[in-house]
Amino acid sequence: MENPLNGTPVHTGVHTVPGRESLLTKISDLQAEIGQLQEAIVSHTVVDHAIGVVITLGGLRPDQGFEVLREVSQHTNIKLRQISEHLVNWVHGEQLPDEIRNALDRALAAARSR
């Protein structure tokens, strides 16, 4: 192809930009980090809601609510986020698995006695 202004050839092929691969890697890393941060925000919100459920159920302080969630997670070997999701869903009418219900009852009783 010729340049219409002076007739010299114009190359339209892909040019290698110095550091391009490094920039693409950085962009990819940043996009992954953004995804992880978005997931963390959602996870934090679910845990906060579950703490509210536990506080309401047990008449506890917020720090006790988190401790109850942690104990249920440890005793059931289920991740804290998953325990939280079950509790929030339970408030909205879903079944609470027996294993979680039993661990929650024990943890609430222990927290009330402290």
C-alpha atoms as a PDB file:
ATOM      1  CA  MET A   1       0.000   0.000   0.000  1.00  0.00           C
ATOM      2  CA  GLU A   2       1.267   3.479  -0.790  1.00  0.00           C
ATOM      3  CA  ASN A   3       1.004   6.561   1.368  1.00  0.00           C
ATOM      4  CA  PRO A   4      -1.341   8.903  -0.509  1.00  0.00           C
ATOM      5  CA  LEU A   5       0.650  11.955   0.576  1.00  0.00           C
ATOM      6  CA  ASN A   6       4.085  11.091  -0.790  1.00  0.00           C
ATOM      7  CA  GLY A   7       3.862   7.689  -2.498  1.00  0.00           C
ATOM      8  CA  THR A   8       6.175   5.892  -0.060  1.00  0.00           C
ATOM      9  CA  PRO A   9       5.249   2.375   0.991  1.00  0.00           C
ATOM     10  CA  VAL A  10       3.259   2.005   4.223  1.00  0.00           C
ATOM     11  CA  HIS A  11       3.618  -1.239   6.151  1.00  0.00           C
ATOM     12  CA  THR A  12       0.410  -2.310   7.847  1.00  0.00           C
ATOM     13  CA  GLY A  13       1.731  -5.432   9.545  1.00  0.00           C
ATOM     14  CA  VAL A  14       1.725  -5.922  13.297  1.00  0.00           C
ATOM     15  CA  HIS A  15       4.578  -4.088  14.940  1.00  0.00           C
ATOM     16  CA  THR A  16       6.282  -5.413  18.001  1.00  0.00           C
ATOM     17  CA  VAL A  17       5.982  -2.938  20.827  1.00  0.00           C
ATOM     18  CA  PRO A  18       8.838  -3.118  23.318  1.00  0.00           C
ATOM     19  CA  GLY A  19       7.549  -4.525  26.592  1.00  0.00           C
ATOM     20  CA  ARG A  20       4.187  -5.526  25.064  1.00  0.00           C
ATOM     21  CA  GLU A  21       4.228  -9.011  26.578  1.00  0.00           C
ATOM     22  CA  SER A  22       5.119  -7.545  29.933  1.00  0.00           C
ATOM     23  CA  LEU A  23       2.198  -5.111  29.690  1.00  0.00           C
ATOM     24  CA  LEU A  24      -0.209  -7.865  28.663  1.00  0.00           C
ATOM     25  CA  THR A  25       0.938  -9.987  31.584  1.00  0.00           C
ATOM     26  CA  LYS A  26       0.488  -7.051  33.950  1.00  0.00           C
ATOM     27  CA  ILE A  27      -3.017  -6.383  32.596  1.00  0.00           C
ATOM     28  CA  SER A  28      -3.927 -10.032  33.020  1.00  0.00           C
ATOM     29  CA  ASP A  29      -2.565 -10.054  36.578  1.00  0.00           C
ATOM     30  CA  LEU A  30      -4.524  -6.907  37.439  1.00  0.00           C
ATOM     31  CA  GLN A  31      -7.734  -8.340  35.975  1.00  0.00           C
ATOM     32  CA  ALA A  32      -7.284 -11.470  38.095  1.00  0.00           C
ATOM     33  CA  GLU A  33      -6.672  -9.332  41.175  1.00  0.00           C
ATOM     34  CA  ILE A  34      -9.822  -7.299  40.482  1.00  0.00           C
ATOM     35  CA  GLY A  35     -11.803 -10.538  40.246  1.00  0.00           C
ATOM     36  CA  GLN A  36     -10.392 -11.727  43.566  1.00  0.00           C
ATOM     37  CA  LEU A  37     -11.192  -8.406  45.233  1.00  0.00           C
ATOM     38  CA  GLN A  38     -14.752  -8.479  43.909  1.00  0.00           C
ATOM     39  CA  GLU A  39     -15.157 -12.012  45.245  1.00  0.00           C
ATOM     40  CA  ALA A  40     -13.745 -10.939  48.618  1.00  0.00           C
ATOM     41  CA  ILE A  41     -16.265  -8.093  48.839  1.00  0.00           C
ATOM     42  CA  VAL A  42     -19.146 -10.475  48.160  1.00  0.00           C
ATOM     43  CA  SER A  43     -17.748 -12.983  50.659  1.00  0.00           C
ATOM     44  CA  HIS A  44     -17.340 -10.286  53.314  1.00  0.00           C
ATOM     45  CA  THR A  45     -20.937  -9.150  52.780  1.00  0.00           C
ATOM     46  CA  VAL A  46     -22.289 -12.690  53.173  1.00  0.00           C
ATOM     47  CA  VAL A  47     -20.252 -13.213  56.347  1.00  0.00           C
ATOM     48  CA  ASP A  48     -21.508  -9.893  57.751  1.00  0.00           C
ATOM     49  CA  HIS A  49     -25.108 -10.921  57.082  1.00  0.00           C
ATOM     50  CA  ALA A  50     -24.527 -14.287  58.736  1.00  0.00           C
ATOM     51  CA  ILE A  51     -23.035 -12.568  61.792  1.00  0.00           C
ATOM     52  CA  GLY A  52     -26.262 -10.560  61.970  1.00  0.00           C
ATOM     53  CA  VAL A  53     -28.282 -13.785  61.884  1.00  0.00           C
ATOM     54  CA  VAL A  54     -26.184 -15.324  64.666  1.00  0.00           C
ATOM     55  CA  ILE A  55     -26.374 -12.155  66.789  1.00  0.00           C
ATOM     56  CA  THR A  56     -30.155 -12.116  66.427  1.00  0.00           C
ATOM     57  CA  LEU A  57     -30.541 -15.830  67.178  1.00  0.00           C
ATOM     58  CA  GLY A  58     -28.317 -15.794  70.215  1.00  0.00           C
ATOM     59  CA  GLY A  59     -28.674 -12.268  71.525  1.00  0.00           C
ATOM     60  CA  LEU A  60     -24.913 -11.909  71.219  1.00  0.00           C
ATOM     61  CA  ARG A  61     -22.411  -9.136  70.567  1.00  0.00           C
ATOM     62  CA  PRO A  62     -20.901  -8.847  67.061  1.00  0.00           C
ATOM     63  CA  ASP A  63     -17.534 -10.273  68.164  1.00  0.00           C
ATOM     64  CA  GLN A  64     -19.356 -13.276  69.641  1.00  0.00           C
ATOM     65  CA  GLY A  65     -21.314 -13.685  66.407  1.00  0.00           C
ATOM     66  CA  PHE A  66     -18.137 -14.027  64.391  1.00  0.00           C
ATOM     67  CA  GLU A  67     -16.689 -16.449  66.951  1.00  0.00           C
ATOM     68  CA  VAL A  68     -19.801 -18.638  66.679  1.00  0.00           C
ATOM     69  CA  LEU A  69     -19.452 -18.726  62.886  1.00  0.00           C
ATOM     70  CA  ARG A  70     -15.793 -19.636  63.212  1.00  0.00           C
ATOM     71  CA  GLU A  71     -16.582 -22.450  65.659  1.00  0.00           C
ATOM     72  CA  VAL A  72     -19.320 -23.852  63.405  1.00  0.00           C
ATOM     73  CA  SER A  73     -16.910 -23.755  60.485  1.00  0.00           C
ATOM     74  CA  GLN A  74     -14.185 -25.548  62.433  1.00  0.00           C
ATOM     75  CA  HIS A  75     -16.495 -28.211  63.912  1.00  0.00           C
ATOM     76  CA  THR A  76     -18.121 -29.017  60.579  1.00  0.00           C
ATOM     77  CA  ASN A  77     -14.975 -28.636  58.475  1.00  0.00           C
ATOM     78  CA  ILE A  78     -16.937 -26.349  56.136  1.00  0.00           C
ATOM     79  CA  LYS A  79     -15.513 -23.023  54.994  1.00  0.00           C
ATOM     80  CA  LEU A  80     -16.727 -19.940  56.845  1.00  0.00           C
ATOM     81  CA  ARG A  81     -18.137 -18.433  53.658  1.00  0.00           C
ATOM     82  CA  GLN A  82     -20.170 -21.571  52.963  1.00  0.00           C
ATOM     83  CA  ILE A  83     -21.496 -21.654  56.530  1.00  0.00           C
ATOM     84  CA  SER A  84     -22.463 -18.001  56.102  1.00  0.00           C
ATOM     85  CA  GLU A  85     -24.213 -18.683  52.805  1.00  0.00           C
ATOM     86  CA  HIS A  86     -26.213 -21.516  54.399  1.00  0.00           C
ATOM     87  CA  LEU A  87     -27.299 -19.278  57.281  1.00  0.00           C
ATOM     88  CA  VAL A  88     -28.326 -16.406  55.018  1.00  0.00           C
ATOM     89  CA  ASN A  89     -30.213 -18.784  52.729  1.00  0.00           C
ATOM     90  CA  TRP A  90     -31.859 -20.394  55.778  1.00  0.00           C
ATOM     91  CA  VAL A  91     -33.272 -17.009  56.815  1.00  0.00           C
ATOM     92  CA  HIS A  92     -34.784 -16.788  53.324  1.00  0.00           C
ATOM     93  CA  GLY A  93     -36.554 -20.141  53.680  1.00  0.00           C
ATOM     94  CA  GLU A  94     -34.036 -22.786  52.669  1.00  0.00           C
ATOM     95  CA  GLN A  95     -33.187 -25.828  54.773  1.00  0.00           C
ATOM     96  CA  LEU A  96     -30.222 -25.594  57.110  1.00  0.00           C
ATOM     97  CA  PRO A  97     -28.211 -28.826  56.936  1.00  0.00           C
ATOM     98  CA  ASP A  98     -28.447 -30.844  60.181  1.00  0.00           C
ATOM     99  CA  GLU A  99     -24.683 -30.849  60.634  1.00  0.00           C
ATOM    100  CA  ILE A 100     -24.595 -27.049  60.557  1.00  0.00           C
ATOM    101  CA  ARG A 101     -27.739 -26.724  62.694  1.00  0.00           C
ATOM    102  CA  ASN A 102     -26.285 -28.969  65.413  1.00  0.00           C
ATOM    103  CA  ALA A 103     -22.903 -27.197  65.406  1.00  0.00           C
ATOM    104  CA  LEU A 104     -24.676 -23.826  65.483  1.00  0.00           C
ATOM    105  CA  ASP A 105     -26.798 -24.848  68.479  1.00  0.00           C
ATOM    106  CA  ARG A 106     -23.691 -26.009  70.374  1.00  0.00           C
ATOM    107  CA  ALA A 107     -21.701 -22.880  69.495  1.00  0.00           C
ATOM    108  CA  LEU A 108     -24.582 -20.588  70.485  1.00  0.00           C
ATOM    109  CA  ALA A 109     -24.978 -22.358  73.836  1.00  0.00           C
ATOM    110  CA  ALA A 110     -21.246 -22.067  74.489  1.00  0.00           C
ATOM    111  CA  ALA A 111     -21.230 -18.362  73.568  1.00  0.00           C
ATOM    112  CA  ARG A 112     -24.185 -17.610  75.847  1.00  0.00           C
ATOM    113  CA  SER A 113     -22.491 -19.336  78.771  1.00  0.00           C
ATOM    114  CA  ARG A 114     -19.307 -17.267  78.446  1.00  0.00           C
END
